[in-house]
Amino acid sequence: MTYNDLRHFADSWGLVFMGLTFLGLIGWTFLPGARDRHKSAATMIFDEAGDSHTTGEFHKERDDVRE
């Protein structure tokens, strides 16, 4: 396999792979149920007592698992 063959492969399939990865990561942020986690992450710096780990539905489920 020559350099030109590798370059052609990277130009075609590499671009497809990077495009699908990008779309997958963007789509992942809009999954149902992610709203609580994103809201918790966005507002955790405003928690006064440092109780950011107990806000949001995601964290309530984690606390139930620990017990």
N, C-alpha and C. Protein backbone atom coordinates (compact mmCIF):
# COMPACT_ATOMS: atom_id res chain seq x y z
N MET A 1 0.84 -1.17 0.00
CA MET A 1 0.00 0.00 0.00
C MET A 1 0.90 1.24 0.00
N THR A 2 0.63 2.12 -0.88
CA THR A 2 1.46 3.32 -1.02
C THR A 2 0.86 4.49 -0.24
N TYR A 3 1.61 5.55 -0.18
CA TYR A 3 1.16 6.75 0.51
C TYR A 3 -0.12 7.30 -0.13
N ASN A 4 -0.18 7.29 -1.44
CA ASN A 4 -1.35 7.82 -2.13
C ASN A 4 -2.59 6.98 -1.85
N ASP A 5 -2.42 5.66 -1.71
CA ASP A 5 -3.56 4.81 -1.35
C ASP A 5 -4.08 5.15 0.04
N LEU A 6 -3.16 5.32 0.99
CA LEU A 6 -3.56 5.67 2.35
C LEU A 6 -4.21 7.05 2.40
N ARG A 7 -3.68 7.96 1.64
CA ARG A 7 -4.26 9.31 1.60
C ARG A 7 -5.66 9.30 1.01
N HIS A 8 -5.87 8.54 -0.03
CA HIS A 8 -7.19 8.43 -0.63
C HIS A 8 -8.18 7.79 0.36
N PHE A 9 -7.75 6.75 1.06
CA PHE A 9 -8.60 6.10 2.06
C PHE A 9 -8.97 7.07 3.17
N ALA A 10 -8.01 7.83 3.66
CA ALA A 10 -8.27 8.79 4.73
C ALA A 10 -9.17 9.92 4.25
N ASP A 11 -9.00 10.35 3.01
CA ASP A 11 -9.84 11.42 2.48
C ASP A 11 -11.30 11.00 2.37
N SER A 12 -11.56 9.76 2.04
CA SER A 12 -12.94 9.32 1.86
C SER A 12 -13.53 8.76 3.15
N TRP A 13 -13.00 7.67 3.65
CA TRP A 13 -13.59 7.01 4.81
C TRP A 13 -13.27 7.72 6.11
N GLY A 14 -12.17 8.40 6.19
CA GLY A 14 -11.86 9.19 7.39
C GLY A 14 -12.86 10.31 7.58
N LEU A 15 -13.22 10.95 6.49
CA LEU A 15 -14.21 12.03 6.55
C LEU A 15 -15.57 11.48 6.96
N VAL A 16 -15.95 10.35 6.43
CA VAL A 16 -17.22 9.73 6.81
C VAL A 16 -17.22 9.38 8.30
N PHE A 17 -16.13 8.79 8.78
CA PHE A 17 -16.03 8.42 10.19
C PHE A 17 -16.13 9.65 11.09
N MET A 18 -15.39 10.70 10.77
CA MET A 18 -15.42 11.91 11.59
C MET A 18 -16.79 12.57 11.55
N GLY A 19 -17.45 12.56 10.40
CA GLY A 19 -18.79 13.13 10.29
C GLY A 19 -19.80 12.37 11.13
N LEU A 20 -19.75 11.05 11.07
CA LEU A 20 -20.68 10.24 11.87
C LEU A 20 -20.40 10.38 13.36
N THR A 21 -19.14 10.47 13.73
CA THR A 21 -18.79 10.68 15.14
C THR A 21 -19.33 12.03 15.62
N PHE A 22 -19.16 13.05 14.82
CA PHE A 22 -19.66 14.38 15.18
C PHE A 22 -21.18 14.36 15.36
N LEU A 23 -21.88 13.78 14.41
CA LEU A 23 -23.35 13.72 14.50
C LEU A 23 -23.80 12.89 15.69
N GLY A 24 -23.09 11.82 15.98
CA GLY A 24 -23.42 11.00 17.14
C GLY A 24 -23.26 11.74 18.45
N LEU A 25 -22.17 12.48 18.58
CA LEU A 25 -21.94 13.25 19.81
C LEU A 25 -22.94 14.39 19.97
N ILE A 26 -23.29 15.03 18.88
CA ILE A 26 -24.29 16.09 18.94
C ILE A 26 -25.65 15.51 19.29
N GLY A 27 -26.00 14.39 18.68
CA GLY A 27 -27.29 13.74 18.97
C GLY A 27 -27.37 13.23 20.40
N TRP A 28 -26.24 12.80 20.95
CA TRP A 28 -26.21 12.27 22.31
C TRP A 28 -26.66 13.31 23.34
N THR A 29 -26.34 14.57 23.08
CA THR A 29 -26.72 15.62 24.03
C THR A 29 -28.21 15.87 24.04
N PHE A 30 -28.92 15.47 22.99
CA PHE A 30 -30.36 15.71 22.91
C PHE A 30 -31.19 14.47 23.21
N LEU A 31 -30.59 13.47 23.83
CA LEU A 31 -31.33 12.27 24.20
C LEU A 31 -32.38 12.61 25.25
N PRO A 32 -33.52 11.90 25.23
CA PRO A 32 -34.53 12.13 26.27
C PRO A 32 -33.95 11.83 27.65
N GLY A 33 -34.29 12.62 28.62
CA GLY A 33 -33.80 12.41 29.97
C GLY A 33 -32.50 13.13 30.27
N ALA A 34 -31.86 13.69 29.28
CA ALA A 34 -30.59 14.37 29.51
C ALA A 34 -30.80 15.80 30.02
N ARG A 35 -32.01 16.28 29.94
CA ARG A 35 -32.28 17.67 30.34
C ARG A 35 -31.93 17.92 31.80
N ASP A 36 -32.30 16.98 32.69
CA ASP A 36 -32.00 17.17 34.11
C ASP A 36 -30.50 17.19 34.37
N ARG A 37 -29.76 16.31 33.70
CA ARG A 37 -28.32 16.28 33.89
C ARG A 37 -27.66 17.56 33.39
N HIS A 38 -28.13 18.06 32.24
CA HIS A 38 -27.55 19.29 31.70
C HIS A 38 -27.90 20.50 32.57
N LYS A 39 -29.14 20.53 33.07
CA LYS A 39 -29.53 21.64 33.93
C LYS A 39 -28.74 21.61 35.23
N SER A 40 -28.54 20.43 35.78
CA SER A 40 -27.76 20.30 37.01
C SER A 40 -26.32 20.74 36.78
N ALA A 41 -25.74 20.34 35.68
CA ALA A 41 -24.36 20.72 35.38
C ALA A 41 -24.24 22.23 35.14
N ALA A 42 -25.26 22.83 34.55
CA ALA A 42 -25.22 24.26 34.25
C ALA A 42 -25.37 25.12 35.49
N THR A 43 -26.07 24.61 36.51
CA THR A 43 -26.34 25.44 37.68
C THR A 43 -25.56 25.01 38.92
N MET A 44 -24.68 24.04 38.84
CA MET A 44 -24.00 23.54 40.04
C MET A 44 -23.06 24.58 40.67
N ILE A 45 -22.58 25.53 39.92
CA ILE A 45 -21.70 26.55 40.51
C ILE A 45 -22.47 27.53 41.38
N PHE A 46 -23.80 27.55 41.28
CA PHE A 46 -24.61 28.46 42.06
C PHE A 46 -25.12 27.84 43.36
N ASP A 47 -24.86 26.55 43.58
CA ASP A 47 -25.28 25.91 44.82
C ASP A 47 -24.42 26.43 45.97
N GLU A 48 -25.09 26.90 47.03
CA GLU A 48 -24.36 27.52 48.13
C GLU A 48 -23.67 26.52 49.05
N ALA A 49 -24.33 25.43 49.36
CA ALA A 49 -23.80 24.49 50.35
C ALA A 49 -22.94 23.40 49.71
N GLY A 50 -22.70 23.50 48.44
CA GLY A 50 -21.93 22.47 47.77
C GLY A 50 -22.71 21.18 47.59
N ASP A 51 -24.04 21.29 47.56
CA ASP A 51 -24.90 20.12 47.41
C ASP A 51 -25.23 19.83 45.95
N SER A 52 -24.35 20.20 45.05
CA SER A 52 -24.64 20.02 43.63
C SER A 52 -24.75 18.55 43.25
N HIS A 53 -24.15 17.67 44.05
CA HIS A 53 -24.21 16.25 43.71
C HIS A 53 -25.56 15.64 44.03
N THR A 54 -26.46 16.37 44.69
CA THR A 54 -27.77 15.81 45.02
C THR A 54 -28.89 16.45 44.24
N THR A 55 -28.60 17.28 43.25
CA THR A 55 -29.64 17.92 42.46
C THR A 55 -29.87 17.14 41.18
N GLY A 56 -31.08 17.21 40.69
CA GLY A 56 -31.40 16.56 39.43
C GLY A 56 -31.83 15.12 39.60
N GLU A 57 -32.65 14.66 38.70
CA GLU A 57 -33.19 13.30 38.74
C GLU A 57 -32.09 12.26 38.59
N PHE A 58 -31.09 12.54 37.76
CA PHE A 58 -29.99 11.60 37.54
C PHE A 58 -29.28 11.29 38.86
N HIS A 59 -29.04 12.30 39.64
CA HIS A 59 -28.31 12.11 40.88
C HIS A 59 -29.17 11.43 41.94
N LYS A 60 -30.48 11.63 41.91
CA LYS A 60 -31.35 10.93 42.85
C LYS A 60 -31.29 9.43 42.60
N GLU A 61 -31.25 9.03 41.34
CA GLU A 61 -31.15 7.61 41.02
C GLU A 61 -29.81 7.05 41.50
N ARG A 62 -28.73 7.80 41.36
CA ARG A 62 -27.42 7.33 41.83
C ARG A 62 -27.40 7.18 43.33
N ASP A 63 -28.06 8.09 44.06
CA ASP A 63 -28.09 8.01 45.51
C ASP A 63 -28.86 6.77 45.96
N ASP A 64 -29.90 6.40 45.22
CA ASP A 64 -30.68 5.20 45.57
C ASP A 64 -29.84 3.96 45.40
N VAL A 65 -28.96 3.95 44.42
CA VAL A 65 -28.13 2.79 44.17
C VAL A 65 -27.09 2.61 45.27
N ARG A 66 -26.58 3.71 45.80
CA ARG A 66 -25.55 3.66 46.84
C ARG A 66 -26.08 3.05 48.14
N GLU A 67 -27.36 3.27 48.43
CA GLU A 67 -27.92 2.81 49.72
C GLU A 67 -28.13 1.34 49.77
